[in-house]
Amino acid sequence: VKPKIIFIEPTWTHELLICKFAKKYNVSIVAPVKD
Protein backbone atom coordinates (compact mmCIF):
# COMPACT_ATOMS: atom_id res chain seq x y z
CA VAL A 1 0.00 0.00 0.00
CA LYS A 2 2.91 2.35 0.80
CA PRO A 3 0.85 4.46 3.22
CA LYS A 4 1.79 8.10 3.73
CA ILE A 5 -0.33 8.99 6.79
CA ILE A 6 -1.89 6.76 9.44
CA PHE A 7 -4.58 7.94 11.87
CA ILE A 8 -4.41 5.77 14.97
CA GLU A 9 -4.94 5.48 18.72
CA PRO A 10 -1.88 3.47 19.88
CA THR A 11 -3.07 1.13 22.64
CA TRP A 12 -3.17 -2.52 21.60
CA THR A 13 -0.36 -4.73 20.26
CA HIS A 14 -1.33 -4.37 16.61
CA GLU A 15 -1.44 -0.57 16.97
CA LEU A 16 1.97 -0.38 18.63
CA LEU A 17 3.42 -2.59 15.90
CA ILE A 18 1.88 -0.30 13.27
CA CYS A 19 3.74 2.61 14.88
CA LYS A 20 7.00 0.66 14.70
CA PHE A 21 6.46 -0.16 11.01
CA ALA A 22 5.54 3.47 10.33
CA LYS A 23 8.82 4.61 11.83
CA LYS A 24 10.73 2.02 9.79
CA TYR A 25 9.05 3.00 6.51
CA ASN A 26 8.99 6.74 7.22
CA VAL A 27 5.20 7.01 7.43
CA SER A 28 3.57 9.87 9.35
CA ILE A 29 1.51 8.88 12.40
CA VAL A 30 -1.39 11.02 13.59
CA ALA A 31 -2.60 10.05 17.08
CA PRO A 32 -5.46 12.35 18.18
CA VAL A 33 -5.86 12.67 21.97
CA LYS A 34 -8.51 14.71 23.77
CA ASP A 35 -7.14 17.96 25.16
PDB file of all heavy atoms in Angstrom:
ATOM      1  N   VAL A   1       0.825  -1.215   0.000  1.00  0.00           N
ATOM      2  CA  VAL A   1       0.000   0.000   0.000  1.00  0.00           C
ATOM      3  C   VAL A   1       0.856   1.262   0.000  1.00  0.00           C
ATOM      4  O   VAL A   1       0.476   2.284  -0.558  1.00  0.00           O
ATOM      5  CB  VAL A   1      -0.951  -0.016   1.219  1.00  0.00           C
ATOM      6  CG1 VAL A   1      -1.665   1.318   1.385  1.00  0.00           C
ATOM      7  CG2 VAL A   1      -1.966  -1.142   1.073  1.00  0.00           C
ATOM      8  N   LYS A   2       2.025   1.185   0.641  1.00  0.00           N
ATOM      9  CA  LYS A   2       2.915   2.350   0.802  1.00  0.00           C
ATOM     10  C   LYS A   2       2.157   3.546   1.397  1.00  0.00           C
ATOM     11  O   LYS A   2       2.044   4.613   0.775  1.00  0.00           O
ATOM     12  CB  LYS A   2       3.560   2.731  -0.533  1.00  0.00           C
ATOM     13  CG  LYS A   2       4.501   1.672  -1.068  1.00  0.00           C
ATOM     14  CD  LYS A   2       5.121   2.110  -2.376  1.00  0.00           C
ATOM     15  CE  LYS A   2       6.210   1.141  -2.824  1.00  0.00           C
ATOM     16  NZ  LYS A   2       5.753  -0.259  -2.939  1.00  0.00           N
ATOM     17  N   PRO A   3       1.624   3.372   2.597  1.00  0.00           N
ATOM     18  CA  PRO A   3       0.854   4.464   3.220  1.00  0.00           C
ATOM     19  C   PRO A   3       1.721   5.690   3.476  1.00  0.00           C
ATOM     20  O   PRO A   3       2.928   5.581   3.691  1.00  0.00           O
ATOM     21  CB  PRO A   3       0.377   3.841   4.535  1.00  0.00           C
ATOM     22  CG  PRO A   3       1.342   2.742   4.824  1.00  0.00           C
ATOM     23  CD  PRO A   3       1.770   2.209   3.498  1.00  0.00           C
ATOM     24  N   LYS A   4       1.085   6.837   3.453  1.00  0.00           N
ATOM     25  CA  LYS A   4       1.788   8.099   3.729  1.00  0.00           C
ATOM     26  C   LYS A   4       1.419   8.658   5.111  1.00  0.00           C
ATOM     27  O   LYS A   4       2.244   9.224   5.794  1.00  0.00           O
ATOM     28  CB  LYS A   4       1.462   9.133   2.652  1.00  0.00           C
ATOM     29  CG  LYS A   4       1.912   8.734   1.256  1.00  0.00           C
ATOM     30  CD  LYS A   4       3.419   8.652   1.156  1.00  0.00           C
ATOM     31  CE  LYS A   4       3.888   8.436  -0.269  1.00  0.00           C
ATOM     32  NZ  LYS A   4       3.450   7.156  -0.854  1.00  0.00           N
ATOM     33  N   ILE A   5       0.149   8.489   5.495  1.00  0.00           N
ATOM     34  CA  ILE A   5      -0.334   8.994   6.786  1.00  0.00           C
ATOM     35  C   ILE A   5      -1.228   7.931   7.413  1.00  0.00           C
ATOM     36  O   ILE A   5      -2.059   7.328   6.734  1.00  0.00           O
ATOM     37  CB  ILE A   5      -1.143  10.299   6.635  1.00  0.00           C
ATOM     38  CG1 ILE A   5      -0.317  11.384   5.950  1.00  0.00           C
ATOM     39  CG2 ILE A   5      -1.619  10.808   7.995  1.00  0.00           C
ATOM     40  CD1 ILE A   5      -1.089  12.651   5.658  1.00  0.00           C
ATOM     41  N   ILE A   6      -1.057   7.715   8.716  1.00  0.00           N
ATOM     42  CA  ILE A   6      -1.893   6.756   9.439  1.00  0.00           C
ATOM     43  C   ILE A   6      -2.516   7.446  10.647  1.00  0.00           C
ATOM     44  O   ILE A   6      -1.810   7.985  11.491  1.00  0.00           O
ATOM     45  CB  ILE A   6      -1.073   5.539   9.906  1.00  0.00           C
ATOM     46  CG1 ILE A   6      -0.497   4.789   8.690  1.00  0.00           C
ATOM     47  CG2 ILE A   6      -1.919   4.601  10.756  1.00  0.00           C
ATOM     48  CD1 ILE A   6       0.401   3.628   9.060  1.00  0.00           C
ATOM     49  N   PHE A   7      -3.845   7.431  10.710  1.00  0.00           N
ATOM     50  CA  PHE A   7      -4.579   7.937  11.868  1.00  0.00           C
ATOM     51  C   PHE A   7      -4.840   6.761  12.812  1.00  0.00           C
ATOM     52  O   PHE A   7      -5.402   5.748  12.395  1.00  0.00           O
ATOM     53  CB  PHE A   7      -5.904   8.578  11.439  1.00  0.00           C
ATOM     54  CG  PHE A   7      -5.741   9.929  10.802  1.00  0.00           C
ATOM     55  CD1 PHE A   7      -5.324  10.050   9.484  1.00  0.00           C
ATOM     56  CD2 PHE A   7      -5.999  11.086  11.530  1.00  0.00           C
ATOM     57  CE1 PHE A   7      -5.167  11.300   8.891  1.00  0.00           C
ATOM     58  CE2 PHE A   7      -5.838  12.341  10.950  1.00  0.00           C
ATOM     59  CZ  PHE A   7      -5.422  12.451   9.631  1.00  0.00           C
ATOM     60  N   ILE A   8      -4.445   6.912  14.072  1.00  0.00           N
ATOM     61  CA  ILE A   8      -4.409   5.768  14.968  1.00  0.00           C
ATOM     62  C   ILE A   8      -4.496   6.201  16.431  1.00  0.00           C
ATOM     63  O   ILE A   8      -4.104   7.325  16.774  1.00  0.00           O
ATOM     64  CB  ILE A   8      -3.098   4.975  14.720  1.00  0.00           C
ATOM     65  CG1 ILE A   8      -3.059   3.640  15.473  1.00  0.00           C
ATOM     66  CG2 ILE A   8      -1.882   5.826  15.085  1.00  0.00           C
ATOM     67  CD1 ILE A   8      -1.877   2.760  15.084  1.00  0.00           C
ATOM     68  N   GLU A   9      -5.022   5.313  17.275  1.00  0.00           N
ATOM     69  CA  GLU A   9      -4.938   5.481  18.724  1.00  0.00           C
ATOM     70  C   GLU A   9      -4.071   4.336  19.248  1.00  0.00           C
ATOM     71  O   GLU A   9      -4.556   3.216  19.423  1.00  0.00           O
ATOM     72  CB  GLU A   9      -6.323   5.433  19.381  1.00  0.00           C
ATOM     73  CG  GLU A   9      -6.244   5.651  20.878  1.00  0.00           C
ATOM     74  CD  GLU A   9      -7.527   5.264  21.611  1.00  0.00           C
ATOM     75  OE1 GLU A   9      -8.324   4.474  21.078  1.00  0.00           O
ATOM     76  OE2 GLU A   9      -7.716   5.758  22.735  1.00  0.00           O
ATOM     77  N   PRO A  10      -2.789   4.573  19.517  1.00  0.00           N
ATOM     78  CA  PRO A  10      -1.885   3.472  19.877  1.00  0.00           C
ATOM     79  C   PRO A  10      -2.145   2.934  21.289  1.00  0.00           C
ATOM     80  O   PRO A  10      -1.808   3.578  22.274  1.00  0.00           O
ATOM     81  CB  PRO A  10      -0.494   4.110  19.781  1.00  0.00           C
ATOM     82  CG  PRO A  10      -0.674   5.394  19.035  1.00  0.00           C
ATOM     83  CD  PRO A  10      -2.059   5.842  19.376  1.00  0.00           C
ATOM     84  N   THR A  11      -2.761   1.764  21.358  1.00  0.00           N
ATOM     85  CA  THR A  11      -3.073   1.128  22.639  1.00  0.00           C
ATOM     86  C   THR A  11      -2.729  -0.357  22.616  1.00  0.00           C
ATOM     87  O   THR A  11      -1.975  -0.834  23.446  1.00  0.00           O
ATOM     88  CB  THR A  11      -4.567   1.295  22.982  1.00  0.00           C
ATOM     89  OG1 THR A  11      -4.889   2.686  23.035  1.00  0.00           O
ATOM     90  CG2 THR A  11      -4.892   0.656  24.331  1.00  0.00           C
ATOM     91  N   TRP A  12      -3.312  -1.074  21.654  1.00  0.00           N
ATOM     92  CA  TRP A  12      -3.172  -2.520  21.601  1.00  0.00           C
ATOM     93  C   TRP A  12      -1.907  -2.932  20.844  1.00  0.00           C
ATOM     94  O   TRP A  12      -1.273  -2.109  20.173  1.00  0.00           O
ATOM     95  CB  TRP A  12      -4.402  -3.140  20.936  1.00  0.00           C
ATOM     96  CG  TRP A  12      -5.670  -2.753  21.618  1.00  0.00           C
ATOM     97  CD1 TRP A  12      -6.530  -1.753  21.241  1.00  0.00           C
ATOM     98  CD2 TRP A  12      -6.218  -3.310  22.820  1.00  0.00           C
ATOM     99  NE1 TRP A  12      -7.577  -1.667  22.122  1.00  0.00           N
ATOM    100  CE2 TRP A  12      -7.422  -2.613  23.099  1.00  0.00           C
ATOM    101  CE3 TRP A  12      -5.821  -4.339  23.674  1.00  0.00           C
ATOM    102  CZ2 TRP A  12      -8.210  -2.907  24.193  1.00  0.00           C
ATOM    103  CZ3 TRP A  12      -6.619  -4.646  24.771  1.00  0.00           C
ATOM    104  CH2 TRP A  12      -7.793  -3.934  25.017  1.00  0.00           C
ATOM    105  N   THR A  13      -1.583  -4.215  20.897  1.00  0.00           N
ATOM    106  CA  THR A  13      -0.358  -4.728  20.264  1.00  0.00           C
ATOM    107  C   THR A  13      -0.291  -4.384  18.784  1.00  0.00           C
ATOM    108  O   THR A  13       0.738  -3.904  18.298  1.00  0.00           O
ATOM    109  CB  THR A  13      -0.266  -6.258  20.455  1.00  0.00           C
ATOM    110  OG1 THR A  13      -0.083  -6.541  21.852  1.00  0.00           O
ATOM    111  CG2 THR A  13       0.893  -6.842  19.677  1.00  0.00           C
ATOM    112  N   HIS A  14      -1.374  -4.627  18.059  1.00  0.00           N
ATOM    113  CA  HIS A  14      -1.326  -4.374  16.606  1.00  0.00           C
ATOM    114  C   HIS A  14      -1.092  -2.885  16.318  1.00  0.00           C
ATOM    115  O   HIS A  14      -0.411  -2.537  15.349  1.00  0.00           O
ATOM    116  CB  HIS A  14      -2.603  -4.865  15.924  1.00  0.00           C
ATOM    117  CG  HIS A  14      -3.839  -4.079  16.250  1.00  0.00           C
ATOM    118  ND1 HIS A  14      -4.530  -4.231  17.426  1.00  0.00           N
ATOM    119  CD2 HIS A  14      -4.494  -3.115  15.553  1.00  0.00           C
ATOM    120  CE1 HIS A  14      -5.568  -3.417  17.439  1.00  0.00           C
ATOM    121  NE2 HIS A  14      -5.567  -2.716  16.316  1.00  0.00           N
ATOM    122  N   GLU A  15      -1.617  -2.008  17.180  1.00  0.00           N
ATOM    123  CA  GLU A  15      -1.436  -0.570  16.974  1.00  0.00           C
ATOM    124  C   GLU A  15      -0.003  -0.142  17.272  1.00  0.00           C
ATOM    125  O   GLU A  15       0.570   0.701  16.558  1.00  0.00           O
ATOM    126  CB  GLU A  15      -2.429   0.197  17.844  1.00  0.00           C
ATOM    127  CG  GLU A  15      -3.874  -0.030  17.420  1.00  0.00           C
ATOM    128  CD  GLU A  15      -4.882   0.338  18.487  1.00  0.00           C
ATOM    129  OE1 GLU A  15      -4.519   0.389  19.679  1.00  0.00           O
ATOM    130  OE2 GLU A  15      -6.061   0.551  18.129  1.00  0.00           O
ATOM    131  N   LEU A  16       0.581  -0.703  18.316  1.00  0.00           N
ATOM    132  CA  LEU A  16       1.972  -0.380  18.630  1.00  0.00           C
ATOM    133  C   LEU A  16       2.909  -0.893  17.546  1.00  0.00           C
ATOM    134  O   LEU A  16       3.895  -0.226  17.186  1.00  0.00           O
ATOM    135  CB  LEU A  16       2.347  -0.964  19.992  1.00  0.00           C
ATOM    136  CG  LEU A  16       1.571  -0.394  21.179  1.00  0.00           C
ATOM    137  CD1 LEU A  16       1.881  -1.164  22.453  1.00  0.00           C
ATOM    138  CD2 LEU A  16       1.878   1.081  21.367  1.00  0.00           C
ATOM    139  N   LEU A  17       2.603  -2.061  17.001  1.00  0.00           N
ATOM    140  CA  LEU A  17       3.416  -2.586  15.896  1.00  0.00           C
ATOM    141  C   LEU A  17       3.285  -1.716  14.653  1.00  0.00           C
ATOM    142  O   LEU A  17       4.263  -1.500  13.932  1.00  0.00           O
ATOM    143  CB  LEU A  17       3.002  -4.026  15.582  1.00  0.00           C
ATOM    144  CG  LEU A  17       3.357  -5.080  16.639  1.00  0.00           C
ATOM    145  CD1 LEU A  17       2.795  -6.439  16.243  1.00  0.00           C
ATOM    146  CD2 LEU A  17       4.863  -5.169  16.855  1.00  0.00           C
ATOM    147  N   ILE A  18       2.080  -1.209  14.407  1.00  0.00           N
ATOM    148  CA  ILE A  18       1.882  -0.300  13.267  1.00  0.00           C
ATOM    149  C   ILE A  18       2.766   0.930  13.416  1.00  0.00           C
ATOM    150  O   ILE A  18       3.379   1.408  12.458  1.00  0.00           O
ATOM    151  CB  ILE A  18       0.396   0.087  13.138  1.00  0.00           C
ATOM    152  CG1 ILE A  18      -0.414  -1.119  12.647  1.00  0.00           C
ATOM    153  CG2 ILE A  18       0.211   1.279  12.196  1.00  0.00           C
ATOM    154  CD1 ILE A  18      -1.914  -0.951  12.766  1.00  0.00           C
ATOM    155  N   CYS A  19       2.867   1.450  14.640  1.00  0.00           N
ATOM    156  CA  CYS A  19       3.735   2.609  14.884  1.00  0.00           C
ATOM    157  C   CYS A  19       5.192   2.276  14.611  1.00  0.00           C
ATOM    158  O   CYS A  19       5.951   3.110  14.085  1.00  0.00           O
ATOM    159  CB  CYS A  19       3.564   3.100  16.326  1.00  0.00           C
ATOM    160  SG  CYS A  19       1.976   3.895  16.656  1.00  0.00           S
ATOM    161  N   LYS A  20       5.612   1.073  14.957  1.00  0.00           N
ATOM    162  CA  LYS A  20       6.999   0.655  14.702  1.00  0.00           C
ATOM    163  C   LYS A  20       7.257   0.522  13.207  1.00  0.00           C
ATOM    164  O   LYS A  20       8.309   0.941  12.710  1.00  0.00           O
ATOM    165  CB  LYS A  20       7.293  -0.671  15.412  1.00  0.00           C
ATOM    166  CG  LYS A  20       7.146  -0.632  16.923  1.00  0.00           C
ATOM    167  CD  LYS A  20       8.054   0.392  17.562  1.00  0.00           C
ATOM    168  CE  LYS A  20       7.885   0.399  19.085  1.00  0.00           C
ATOM    169  NZ  LYS A  20       8.669   1.480  19.730  1.00  0.00           N
ATOM    170  N   PHE A  21       6.303  -0.064  12.462  1.00  0.00           N
ATOM    171  CA  PHE A  21       6.456  -0.163  11.008  1.00  0.00           C
ATOM    172  C   PHE A  21       6.447   1.226  10.369  1.00  0.00           C
ATOM    173  O   PHE A  21       7.194   1.485   9.420  1.00  0.00           O
ATOM    174  CB  PHE A  21       5.329  -1.012  10.420  1.00  0.00           C
ATOM    175  CG  PHE A  21       5.592  -2.489  10.449  1.00  0.00           C
ATOM    176  CD1 PHE A  21       4.911  -3.308  11.326  1.00  0.00           C
ATOM    177  CD2 PHE A  21       6.534  -3.062   9.600  1.00  0.00           C
ATOM    178  CE1 PHE A  21       5.149  -4.685  11.363  1.00  0.00           C
ATOM    179  CE2 PHE A  21       6.785  -4.433   9.620  1.00  0.00           C
ATOM    180  CZ  PHE A  21       6.089  -5.249  10.504  1.00  0.00           C
ATOM    181  N   ALA A  22       5.601   2.108  10.877  1.00  0.00           N
ATOM    182  CA  ALA A  22       5.535   3.468  10.334  1.00  0.00           C
ATOM    183  C   ALA A  22       6.876   4.177  10.478  1.00  0.00           C
ATOM    184  O   ALA A  22       7.339   4.865   9.558  1.00  0.00           O
ATOM    185  CB  ALA A  22       4.430   4.251  11.044  1.00  0.00           C
ATOM    186  N   LYS A  23       7.506   4.007  11.617  1.00  0.00           N
ATOM    187  CA  LYS A  23       8.821   4.606  11.825  1.00  0.00           C
ATOM    188  C   LYS A  23       9.849   4.015  10.853  1.00  0.00           C
ATOM    189  O   LYS A  23      10.665   4.744  10.287  1.00  0.00           O
ATOM    190  CB  LYS A  23       9.273   4.381  13.272  1.00  0.00           C
ATOM    191  CG  LYS A  23      10.612   5.038  13.614  1.00  0.00           C
ATOM    192  CD  LYS A  23      10.964   4.807  15.082  1.00  0.00           C
ATOM    193  CE  LYS A  23      12.311   5.447  15.418  1.00  0.00           C
ATOM    194  NZ  LYS A  23      12.693   5.217  16.828  1.00  0.00           N
ATOM    195  N   LYS A  24       9.781   2.701  10.672  1.00  0.00           N
ATOM    196  CA  LYS A  24      10.726   2.023   9.786  1.00  0.00           C
ATOM    197  C   LYS A  24      10.562   2.485   8.342  1.00  0.00           C
ATOM    198  O   LYS A  24      11.542   2.710   7.629  1.00  0.00           O
ATOM    199  CB  LYS A  24      10.514   0.505   9.870  1.00  0.00           C
ATOM    200  CG  LYS A  24      11.470  -0.319   9.017  1.00  0.00           C
ATOM    201  CD  LYS A  24      12.876  -0.256   9.563  1.00  0.00           C
ATOM    202  CE  LYS A  24      13.830  -1.120   8.744  1.00  0.00           C
ATOM    203  NZ  LYS A  24      15.202  -1.079   9.296  1.00  0.00           N
ATOM    204  N   TYR A  25       9.324   2.650   7.907  1.00  0.00           N
ATOM    205  CA  TYR A  25       9.049   2.996   6.507  1.00  0.00           C
ATOM    206  C   TYR A  25       8.789   4.491   6.301  1.00  0.00           C
ATOM    207  O   TYR A  25       8.301   4.895   5.247  1.00  0.00           O
ATOM    208  CB  TYR A  25       7.857   2.182   6.003  1.00  0.00           C
ATOM    209  CG  TYR A  25       8.155   0.713   5.820  1.00  0.00           C
ATOM    210  CD1 TYR A  25       7.464  -0.255   6.541  1.00  0.00           C
ATOM    211  CD2 TYR A  25       9.140   0.287   4.930  1.00  0.00           C
ATOM    212  CE1 TYR A  25       7.734  -1.613   6.376  1.00  0.00           C
ATOM    213  CE2 TYR A  25       9.419  -1.067   4.751  1.00  0.00           C
ATOM    214  CZ  TYR A  25       8.716  -2.007   5.477  1.00  0.00           C
ATOM    215  OH  TYR A  25       8.990  -3.352   5.301  1.00  0.00           O
ATOM    216  N   ASN A  26       9.101   5.287   7.322  1.00  0.00           N
ATOM    217  CA  ASN A  26       8.989   6.743   7.216  1.00  0.00           C
ATOM    218  C   ASN A  26       7.563   7.196   6.874  1.00  0.00           C
ATOM    219  O   ASN A  26       7.333   7.997   5.971  1.00  0.00           O
ATOM    220  CB  ASN A  26       9.981   7.297   6.179  1.00  0.00           C
ATOM    221  CG  ASN A  26      10.149   8.798   6.284  1.00  0.00           C
ATOM    222  OD1 ASN A  26       9.990   9.384   7.358  1.00  0.00           O
ATOM    223  ND2 ASN A  26      10.457   9.438   5.170  1.00  0.00           N
ATOM    224  N   VAL A  27       6.608   6.661   7.605  1.00  0.00           N
ATOM    225  CA  VAL A  27       5.198   7.011   7.428  1.00  0.00           C
ATOM    226  C   VAL A  27       4.769   7.898   8.596  1.00  0.00           C
ATOM    227  O   VAL A  27       5.123   7.636   9.743  1.00  0.00           O
ATOM    228  CB  VAL A  27       4.328   5.738   7.394  1.00  0.00           C
ATOM    229  CG1 VAL A  27       2.848   6.095   7.258  1.00  0.00           C
ATOM    230  CG2 VAL A  27       4.770   4.818   6.263  1.00  0.00           C
ATOM    231  N   SER A  28       4.009   8.932   8.312  1.00  0.00           N
ATOM    232  CA  SER A  28       3.574   9.865   9.352  1.00  0.00           C
ATOM    233  C   SER A  28       2.423   9.273  10.159  1.00  0.00           C
ATOM    234  O   SER A  28       1.438   8.796   9.599  1.00  0.00           O
ATOM    235  CB  SER A  28       3.128  11.193   8.739  1.00  0.00           C
ATOM    236  OG  SER A  28       4.208  11.831   8.096  1.00  0.00           O
ATOM    237  N   ILE A  29       2.564   9.317  11.477  1.00  0.00           N
ATOM    238  CA  ILE A  29       1.514   8.876  12.399  1.00  0.00           C
ATOM    239  C   ILE A  29       0.755  10.097  12.912  1.00  0.00           C
ATOM    240  O   ILE A  29       1.358  11.116  13.248  1.00  0.00           O
ATOM    241  CB  ILE A  29       2.129   8.112  13.588  1.00  0.00           C
ATOM    242  CG1 ILE A  29       2.604   6.729  13.157  1.00  0.00           C
ATOM    243  CG2 ILE A  29       1.147   8.003  14.754  1.00  0.00           C
ATOM    244  CD1 ILE A  29       1.498   5.747  12.839  1.00  0.00           C
ATOM    245  N   VAL A  30      -0.558   9.995  12.972  1.00  0.00           N
ATOM    246  CA  VAL A  30      -1.394  11.023  13.593  1.00  0.00           C
ATOM    247  C   VAL A  30      -2.198  10.323  14.683  1.00  0.00           C
ATOM    248  O   VAL A  30      -3.036   9.464  14.399  1.00  0.00           O
ATOM    249  CB  VAL A  30      -2.351  11.686  12.585  1.00  0.00           C
ATOM    250  CG1 VAL A  30      -3.195  12.752  13.283  1.00  0.00           C
ATOM    251  CG2 VAL A  30      -1.574  12.287  11.422  1.00  0.00           C
ATOM    252  N   ALA A  31      -1.928  10.674  15.939  1.00  0.00           N
ATOM    253  CA  ALA A  31      -2.601  10.052  17.080  1.00  0.00           C
ATOM    254  C   ALA A  31      -3.386  11.123  17.847  1.00  0.00           C
ATOM    255  O   ALA A  31      -2.840  11.788  18.734  1.00  0.00           O
ATOM    256  CB  ALA A  31      -1.583   9.378  17.996  1.00  0.00           C
ATOM    257  N   PRO A  32      -4.660  11.321  17.505  1.00  0.00           N
ATOM    258  CA  PRO A  32      -5.459  12.351  18.179  1.00  0.00           C
ATOM    259  C   PRO A  32      -5.780  11.960  19.624  1.00  0.00           C
ATOM    260  O   PRO A  32      -6.215  10.841  19.891  1.00  0.00           O
ATOM    261  CB  PRO A  32      -6.744  12.417  17.342  1.00  0.00           C
ATOM    262  CG  PRO A  32      -6.426  11.701  16.055  1.00  0.00           C
ATOM    263  CD  PRO A  32      -5.416  10.667  16.426  1.00  0.00           C
ATOM    264  N   VAL A  33      -5.572  12.892  20.547  1.00  0.00           N
ATOM    265  CA  VAL A  33      -5.860  12.672  21.966  1.00  0.00           C
ATOM    266  C   VAL A  33      -6.622  13.878  22.494  1.00  0.00           C
ATOM    267  O   VAL A  33      -6.228  15.024  22.249  1.00  0.00           O
ATOM    268  CB  VAL A  33      -4.557  12.468  22.778  1.00  0.00           C
ATOM    269  CG1 VAL A  33      -4.860  12.374  24.270  1.00  0.00           C
ATOM    270  CG2 VAL A  33      -3.809  11.231  22.302  1.00  0.00           C
ATOM    271  N   LYS A  34      -7.709  13.611  23.223  1.00  0.00           N
ATOM    272  CA  LYS A  34      -8.508  14.707  23.775  1.00  0.00           C
ATOM    273  C   LYS A  34      -7.631  15.664  24.572  1.00  0.00           C
ATOM    274  O   LYS A  34      -6.766  15.235  25.327  1.00  0.00           O
ATOM    275  CB  LYS A  34      -9.607  14.162  24.688  1.00  0.00           C
ATOM    276  CG  LYS A  34     -10.777  13.544  23.953  1.00  0.00           C
ATOM    277  CD  LYS A  34     -11.791  12.938  24.916  1.00  0.00           C
ATOM    278  CE  LYS A  34     -12.538  14.013  25.664  1.00  0.00           C
ATOM    279  NZ  LYS A  34     -13.477  14.745  24.793  1.00  0.00           N
ATOM    280  N   ASP A  35      -7.874  16.953  24.398  1.00  0.00           N
ATOM    281  CA  ASP A  35      -7.144  17.960  25.161  1.00  0.00           C
ATOM    282  C   ASP A  35      -7.349  17.728  26.657  1.00  0.00           C
ATOM    283  O   ASP A  35      -8.442  17.358  27.097  1.00  0.00           O
ATOM    284  CB  ASP A  35      -7.636  19.352  24.778  1.00  0.00           C
ATOM    285  CG  ASP A  35      -6.826  20.458  25.423  1.00  0.00           C
ATOM    286  OD1 ASP A  35      -5.845  20.893  24.836  1.00  0.00           O
ATOM    287  OD2 ASP A  35      -7.188  20.866  26.554  1.00  0.00           O
TER     288      ASP A  35
END
